[in-house]
Amino acid sequence: MPPRPKKYICAFCRQNVKHIDYKNSKLLSQYLTFYRSIQSRFHTGVCLKHQKQLATSIKRARNMALLAAVRYDK
């Protein structure tokens, strides 16, 4: 039998994060693509619970103008 691959543990679960704050723009920007869209769970490696919190926090930060909604390059 081939060896089992290691089970990936969510970065937020490892640090016992209960709530993802929308004011932490440095953390939230790590989970955005080049064009400022939210990355999927497959790419981020975050569990479902924290991915939903992450998406909500990013959307709130965009509403408060803490994060840019679109990439502006010339």
C-alpha atoms as a PDB file:
ATOM      1  CA  MET A   1       0.000   0.000   0.000  1.00  0.00           C
ATOM      2  CA  PRO A   2       1.263   3.483  -0.796  1.00  0.00           C
ATOM      3  CA  PRO A   3       1.719   5.787   2.211  1.00  0.00           C
ATOM      4  CA  ARG A   4      -1.124   8.118   3.018  1.00  0.00           C
ATOM      5  CA  PRO A   5      -0.566  11.792   2.263  1.00  0.00           C
ATOM      6  CA  LYS A   6      -0.486  14.029   5.327  1.00  0.00           C
ATOM      7  CA  LYS A   7      -3.788  15.677   6.115  1.00  0.00           C
ATOM      8  CA  TYR A   8      -3.519  19.430   5.655  1.00  0.00           C
ATOM      9  CA  ILE A   9      -4.640  21.492   8.643  1.00  0.00           C
ATOM     10  CA  CYS A  10      -6.155  24.924   8.150  1.00  0.00           C
ATOM     11  CA  ALA A  11      -3.802  27.811   9.068  1.00  0.00           C
ATOM     12  CA  PHE A  12      -6.516  29.463  11.165  1.00  0.00           C
ATOM     13  CA  CYS A  13      -7.365  26.208  12.985  1.00  0.00           C
ATOM     14  CA  ARG A  14      -3.685  25.696  13.859  1.00  0.00           C
ATOM     15  CA  GLN A  15      -3.563  29.144  15.492  1.00  0.00           C
ATOM     16  CA  ASN A  16      -6.968  28.728  17.227  1.00  0.00           C
ATOM     17  CA  VAL A  17      -8.447  31.775  15.487  1.00  0.00           C
ATOM     18  CA  LYS A  18     -12.093  32.201  16.495  1.00  0.00           C
ATOM     19  CA  HIS A  19     -12.877  35.282  14.427  1.00  0.00           C
ATOM     20  CA  ILE A  20     -11.199  36.828  11.366  1.00  0.00           C
ATOM     21  CA  ASP A  21     -11.188  40.605  11.735  1.00  0.00           C
ATOM     22  CA  TYR A  22     -12.021  42.731   8.692  1.00  0.00           C
ATOM     23  CA  LYS A  23      -9.680  45.504   9.912  1.00  0.00           C
ATOM     24  CA  ASN A  24      -6.584  43.323   9.455  1.00  0.00           C
ATOM     25  CA  SER A  25      -6.045  44.233   5.799  1.00  0.00           C
ATOM     26  CA  LYS A  26      -2.523  42.778   5.673  1.00  0.00           C
ATOM     27  CA  LEU A  27      -3.838  39.300   6.515  1.00  0.00           C
ATOM     28  CA  LEU A  28      -6.833  39.589   4.176  1.00  0.00           C
ATOM     29  CA  SER A  29      -4.715  40.707   1.216  1.00  0.00           C
ATOM     30  CA  GLN A  30      -2.803  37.405   1.368  1.00  0.00           C
ATOM     31  CA  TYR A  31      -5.993  35.598   0.331  1.00  0.00           C
ATOM     32  CA  LEU A  32      -6.659  37.718  -2.768  1.00  0.00           C
ATOM     33  CA  THR A  33      -5.466  37.063  -6.310  1.00  0.00           C
ATOM     34  CA  PHE A  34      -3.514  39.514  -8.449  1.00  0.00           C
ATOM     35  CA  TYR A  35      -6.804  40.968  -9.717  1.00  0.00           C
ATOM     36  CA  ARG A  36      -8.203  41.266  -6.145  1.00  0.00           C
ATOM     37  CA  SER A  37     -10.671  38.388  -6.316  1.00  0.00           C
ATOM     38  CA  ILE A  38     -11.045  35.994  -3.384  1.00  0.00           C
ATOM     39  CA  GLN A  39      -9.045  32.786  -3.738  1.00  0.00           C
ATOM     40  CA  SER A  40     -10.814  29.456  -3.420  1.00  0.00           C
ATOM     41  CA  ARG A  41     -10.398  26.958  -0.588  1.00  0.00           C
ATOM     42  CA  PHE A  42      -8.412  24.735  -2.903  1.00  0.00           C
ATOM     43  CA  HIS A  43      -5.726  27.394  -3.323  1.00  0.00           C
ATOM     44  CA  THR A  44      -5.702  28.764   0.214  1.00  0.00           C
ATOM     45  CA  GLY A  45      -5.956  25.462   2.106  1.00  0.00           C
ATOM     46  CA  VAL A  46      -8.443  26.939   4.564  1.00  0.00           C
ATOM     47  CA  CYS A  47     -11.312  24.923   6.034  1.00  0.00           C
ATOM     48  CA  LEU A  48     -14.924  25.700   5.099  1.00  0.00           C
ATOM     49  CA  LYS A  49     -15.748  27.511   8.348  1.00  0.00           C
ATOM     50  CA  HIS A  50     -12.788  29.867   8.078  1.00  0.00           C
ATOM     51  CA  GLN A  51     -13.182  30.329   4.314  1.00  0.00           C
ATOM     52  CA  LYS A  52     -16.701  31.681   4.893  1.00  0.00           C
ATOM     53  CA  GLN A  53     -15.429  34.014   7.622  1.00  0.00           C
ATOM     54  CA  LEU A  54     -12.567  35.076   5.374  1.00  0.00           C
ATOM     55  CA  ALA A  55     -14.881  35.886   2.454  1.00  0.00           C
ATOM     56  CA  THR A  56     -17.229  37.870   4.720  1.00  0.00           C
ATOM     57  CA  SER A  57     -14.305  39.808   6.228  1.00  0.00           C
ATOM     58  CA  ILE A  58     -12.896  40.636   2.783  1.00  0.00           C
ATOM     59  CA  LYS A  59     -16.303  41.883   1.621  1.00  0.00           C
ATOM     60  CA  ARG A  60     -16.682  44.029   4.745  1.00  0.00           C
ATOM     61  CA  ALA A  61     -13.194  45.459   4.283  1.00  0.00           C
ATOM     62  CA  ARG A  62     -14.074  46.370   0.695  1.00  0.00           C
ATOM     63  CA  ASN A  63     -17.245  48.121   1.883  1.00  0.00           C
ATOM     64  CA  MET A  64     -15.246  50.128   4.421  1.00  0.00           C
ATOM     65  CA  ALA A  65     -12.649  50.940   1.691  1.00  0.00           C
ATOM     66  CA  LEU A  66      -9.857  49.168   3.576  1.00  0.00           C
ATOM     67  CA  LEU A  67      -9.202  46.905   0.573  1.00  0.00           C
ATOM     68  CA  ALA A  68      -9.349  47.777  -3.099  1.00  0.00           C
ATOM     69  CA  ALA A  69     -12.076  45.986  -5.020  1.00  0.00           C
ATOM     70  CA  VAL A  70     -10.193  46.094  -8.350  1.00  0.00           C
ATOM     71  CA  ARG A  71      -6.534  46.200  -9.344  1.00  0.00           C
ATOM     72  CA  TYR A  72      -5.590  49.532 -10.933  1.00  0.00           C
ATOM     73  CA  ASP A  73      -2.577  49.200 -13.225  1.00  0.00           C
ATOM     74  CA  LYS A  74      -1.609  51.346 -16.154  1.00  0.00           C
END
